Amino acid sequence: MPYCVHQAAAPQFFEREKHLRVPRKHVERIVGEDQEEQELRLGAWVGNQRSRAATLTPGRVEQLSAIGMRWA
């Protein structure tokens, strides 16, 4: 499965906040592989993943669950 920068931002948020109830408008800042700071719309991404849960592959659901995603 291709790498998604949001999958780096989600654990960072989870580690700091101890949950993934990310506000829809939240922007998370991460340092990318190129050492450049990036701003990611993590709240929108998490919301979109939850709303698409029924259409995600089992592997994708497992991957997201492993980084702290709660589906309800």
N, C-alpha and C. Protein backbone atom coordinates (compact mmCIF):
# COMPACT_ATOMS: atom_id res chain seq x y z
N MET A 1 0.85 -1.19 0.00
CA MET A 1 0.00 0.00 0.00
C MET A 1 0.89 1.24 0.00
N PRO A 2 0.59 2.24 -0.84
CA PRO A 2 1.44 3.41 -0.92
C PRO A 2 1.46 4.19 0.40
N TYR A 3 2.59 4.81 0.64
CA TYR A 3 2.76 5.64 1.84
C TYR A 3 1.91 6.90 1.72
N CYS A 4 1.29 7.26 2.80
CA CYS A 4 0.46 8.46 2.85
C CYS A 4 0.99 9.33 3.98
N VAL A 5 1.31 10.59 3.68
CA VAL A 5 1.87 11.47 4.71
C VAL A 5 0.90 11.64 5.87
N HIS A 6 -0.39 11.50 5.62
CA HIS A 6 -1.36 11.60 6.71
C HIS A 6 -1.16 10.46 7.72
N GLN A 7 -0.64 9.36 7.25
CA GLN A 7 -0.39 8.24 8.16
C GLN A 7 0.81 8.52 9.06
N ALA A 8 1.59 9.52 8.77
CA ALA A 8 2.63 9.98 9.69
C ALA A 8 2.05 11.02 10.64
N ALA A 9 1.14 11.84 10.14
CA ALA A 9 0.55 12.89 10.97
C ALA A 9 -0.41 12.33 12.01
N ALA A 10 -1.14 11.29 11.67
CA ALA A 10 -2.12 10.72 12.60
C ALA A 10 -1.45 10.17 13.86
N PRO A 11 -0.39 9.36 13.75
CA PRO A 11 0.26 8.88 14.98
C PRO A 11 0.88 10.02 15.80
N GLN A 12 1.38 11.03 15.12
CA GLN A 12 1.94 12.19 15.82
C GLN A 12 0.85 12.86 16.66
N PHE A 13 -0.32 13.06 16.05
CA PHE A 13 -1.45 13.66 16.77
C PHE A 13 -1.87 12.75 17.93
N PHE A 14 -1.97 11.44 17.66
CA PHE A 14 -2.40 10.47 18.67
C PHE A 14 -1.43 10.46 19.86
N GLU A 15 -0.14 10.48 19.57
CA GLU A 15 0.87 10.46 20.64
C GLU A 15 0.74 11.70 21.54
N ARG A 16 0.48 12.83 20.93
CA ARG A 16 0.38 14.08 21.69
C ARG A 16 -0.95 14.19 22.43
N GLU A 17 -2.06 13.84 21.77
CA GLU A 17 -3.40 14.07 22.31
C GLU A 17 -4.03 12.84 22.96
N LYS A 18 -3.47 11.66 22.69
CA LYS A 18 -3.96 10.38 23.23
C LYS A 18 -5.32 9.97 22.66
N HIS A 19 -5.67 10.49 21.49
CA HIS A 19 -6.91 10.11 20.79
C HIS A 19 -6.80 10.57 19.34
N LEU A 20 -7.72 10.09 18.51
CA LEU A 20 -7.80 10.55 17.12
C LEU A 20 -9.16 11.18 16.83
N ARG A 21 -9.72 11.85 17.81
CA ARG A 21 -10.95 12.62 17.59
C ARG A 21 -10.50 14.00 17.11
N VAL A 22 -10.03 14.04 15.89
CA VAL A 22 -9.42 15.24 15.34
C VAL A 22 -10.52 16.20 14.86
N PRO A 23 -10.48 17.45 15.32
CA PRO A 23 -11.46 18.42 14.81
C PRO A 23 -11.35 18.55 13.30
N ARG A 24 -12.47 18.66 12.63
CA ARG A 24 -12.52 18.67 11.16
C ARG A 24 -11.55 19.69 10.54
N LYS A 25 -11.37 20.83 11.15
CA LYS A 25 -10.53 21.88 10.56
C LYS A 25 -9.08 21.84 11.05
N HIS A 26 -8.72 20.83 11.81
CA HIS A 26 -7.37 20.77 12.37
C HIS A 26 -6.32 20.57 11.28
N VAL A 27 -5.24 21.33 11.37
CA VAL A 27 -4.09 21.20 10.49
C VAL A 27 -2.91 20.73 11.35
N GLU A 28 -2.31 19.62 10.96
CA GLU A 28 -1.17 19.05 11.67
C GLU A 28 0.10 19.38 10.89
N ARG A 29 1.12 19.78 11.60
CA ARG A 29 2.41 20.07 10.97
C ARG A 29 3.36 18.90 11.21
N ILE A 30 3.96 18.42 10.13
CA ILE A 30 4.95 17.36 10.24
C ILE A 30 6.19 17.75 9.43
N VAL A 31 7.30 17.10 9.74
CA VAL A 31 8.52 17.28 8.96
C VAL A 31 8.58 16.09 8.01
N GLY A 32 8.56 16.38 6.72
CA GLY A 32 8.55 15.32 5.71
C GLY A 32 9.91 14.67 5.52
N GLU A 33 9.94 13.67 4.66
CA GLU A 33 11.18 12.95 4.37
C GLU A 33 12.27 13.88 3.82
N ASP A 34 11.85 14.96 3.17
CA ASP A 34 12.80 15.92 2.62
C ASP A 34 13.20 16.98 3.65
N GLN A 35 12.81 16.77 4.92
CA GLN A 35 13.10 17.66 6.03
C GLN A 35 12.38 19.01 5.93
N GLU A 36 11.42 19.10 5.05
CA GLU A 36 10.59 20.29 4.92
C GLU A 36 9.36 20.13 5.80
N GLU A 37 8.95 21.21 6.46
CA GLU A 37 7.73 21.16 7.26
C GLU A 37 6.53 21.20 6.32
N GLN A 38 5.55 20.35 6.61
CA GLN A 38 4.33 20.30 5.82
C GLN A 38 3.14 20.53 6.73
N GLU A 39 2.13 21.18 6.20
CA GLU A 39 0.87 21.35 6.91
C GLU A 39 -0.16 20.46 6.24
N LEU A 40 -0.76 19.55 7.02
CA LEU A 40 -1.71 18.59 6.49
C LEU A 40 -3.07 18.79 7.13
N ARG A 41 -4.10 18.73 6.34
CA ARG A 41 -5.47 18.86 6.84
C ARG A 41 -5.90 17.52 7.44
N LEU A 42 -5.33 17.22 8.59
CA LEU A 42 -5.55 15.93 9.22
C LEU A 42 -6.99 15.71 9.62
N GLY A 43 -7.65 16.73 10.12
CA GLY A 43 -9.05 16.58 10.54
C GLY A 43 -9.95 16.16 9.39
N ALA A 44 -9.78 16.80 8.25
CA ALA A 44 -10.58 16.44 7.07
C ALA A 44 -10.25 15.02 6.62
N TRP A 45 -8.98 14.67 6.63
CA TRP A 45 -8.56 13.34 6.20
C TRP A 45 -9.16 12.25 7.09
N VAL A 46 -9.07 12.44 8.43
CA VAL A 46 -9.62 11.45 9.37
C VAL A 46 -11.13 11.32 9.15
N GLY A 47 -11.82 12.44 9.02
CA GLY A 47 -13.26 12.41 8.78
C GLY A 47 -13.61 11.67 7.50
N ASN A 48 -12.83 11.92 6.45
CA ASN A 48 -13.07 11.24 5.17
C ASN A 48 -12.84 9.74 5.28
N GLN A 49 -11.80 9.34 6.00
CA GLN A 49 -11.54 7.90 6.17
C GLN A 49 -12.69 7.23 6.91
N ARG A 50 -13.19 7.90 7.95
CA ARG A 50 -14.31 7.33 8.71
C ARG A 50 -15.56 7.21 7.84
N SER A 51 -15.83 8.24 7.05
CA SER A 51 -17.05 8.20 6.23
C SER A 51 -16.94 7.17 5.11
N ARG A 52 -15.74 6.79 4.74
CA ARG A 52 -15.53 5.80 3.68
C ARG A 52 -15.22 4.41 4.22
N ALA A 53 -15.39 4.21 5.51
CA ALA A 53 -15.00 2.95 6.15
C ALA A 53 -15.57 1.72 5.45
N ALA A 54 -16.82 1.80 5.02
CA ALA A 54 -17.46 0.64 4.39
C ALA A 54 -16.83 0.27 3.05
N THR A 55 -16.14 1.21 2.42
CA THR A 55 -15.55 0.94 1.11
C THR A 55 -14.04 0.71 1.16
N LEU A 56 -13.44 0.85 2.35
CA LEU A 56 -12.00 0.62 2.48
C LEU A 56 -11.71 -0.87 2.50
N THR A 57 -10.54 -1.23 2.01
CA THR A 57 -10.14 -2.63 2.05
C THR A 57 -9.88 -3.04 3.50
N PRO A 58 -10.00 -4.32 3.81
CA PRO A 58 -9.70 -4.78 5.17
C PRO A 58 -8.27 -4.40 5.60
N GLY A 59 -7.34 -4.45 4.66
CA GLY A 59 -5.96 -4.09 4.97
C GLY A 59 -5.84 -2.63 5.36
N ARG A 60 -6.58 -1.77 4.67
CA ARG A 60 -6.55 -0.34 4.96
C ARG A 60 -7.18 -0.07 6.33
N VAL A 61 -8.29 -0.74 6.63
CA VAL A 61 -8.94 -0.59 7.94
C VAL A 61 -7.98 -1.03 9.03
N GLU A 62 -7.29 -2.14 8.83
CA GLU A 62 -6.33 -2.64 9.81
C GLU A 62 -5.18 -1.65 10.00
N GLN A 63 -4.70 -1.11 8.90
CA GLN A 63 -3.61 -0.15 8.94
C GLN A 63 -4.01 1.11 9.72
N LEU A 64 -5.19 1.61 9.47
CA LEU A 64 -5.68 2.80 10.15
C LEU A 64 -5.98 2.51 11.62
N SER A 65 -6.52 1.34 11.91
CA SER A 65 -6.78 0.96 13.29
C SER A 65 -5.49 0.89 14.09
N ALA A 66 -4.42 0.45 13.44
CA ALA A 66 -3.13 0.32 14.11
C ALA A 66 -2.54 1.67 14.53
N ILE A 67 -2.96 2.75 13.86
CA ILE A 67 -2.46 4.07 14.24
C ILE A 67 -3.45 4.84 15.12
N GLY A 68 -4.44 4.13 15.65
CA GLY A 68 -5.34 4.74 16.63
C GLY A 68 -6.70 5.16 16.12
N MET A 69 -7.06 4.82 14.88
CA MET A 69 -8.35 5.21 14.33
C MET A 69 -9.49 4.52 15.09
N ARG A 70 -10.48 5.29 15.44
CA ARG A 70 -11.71 4.76 16.02
C ARG A 70 -12.80 5.01 15.00
N TRP A 71 -13.58 3.99 14.75
CA TRP A 71 -14.53 4.03 13.64
C TRP A 71 -15.93 4.52 14.02
N ALA A 72 -16.21 4.66 15.28
CA ALA A 72 -17.55 5.10 15.69
C ALA A 72 -17.51 6.46 16.35
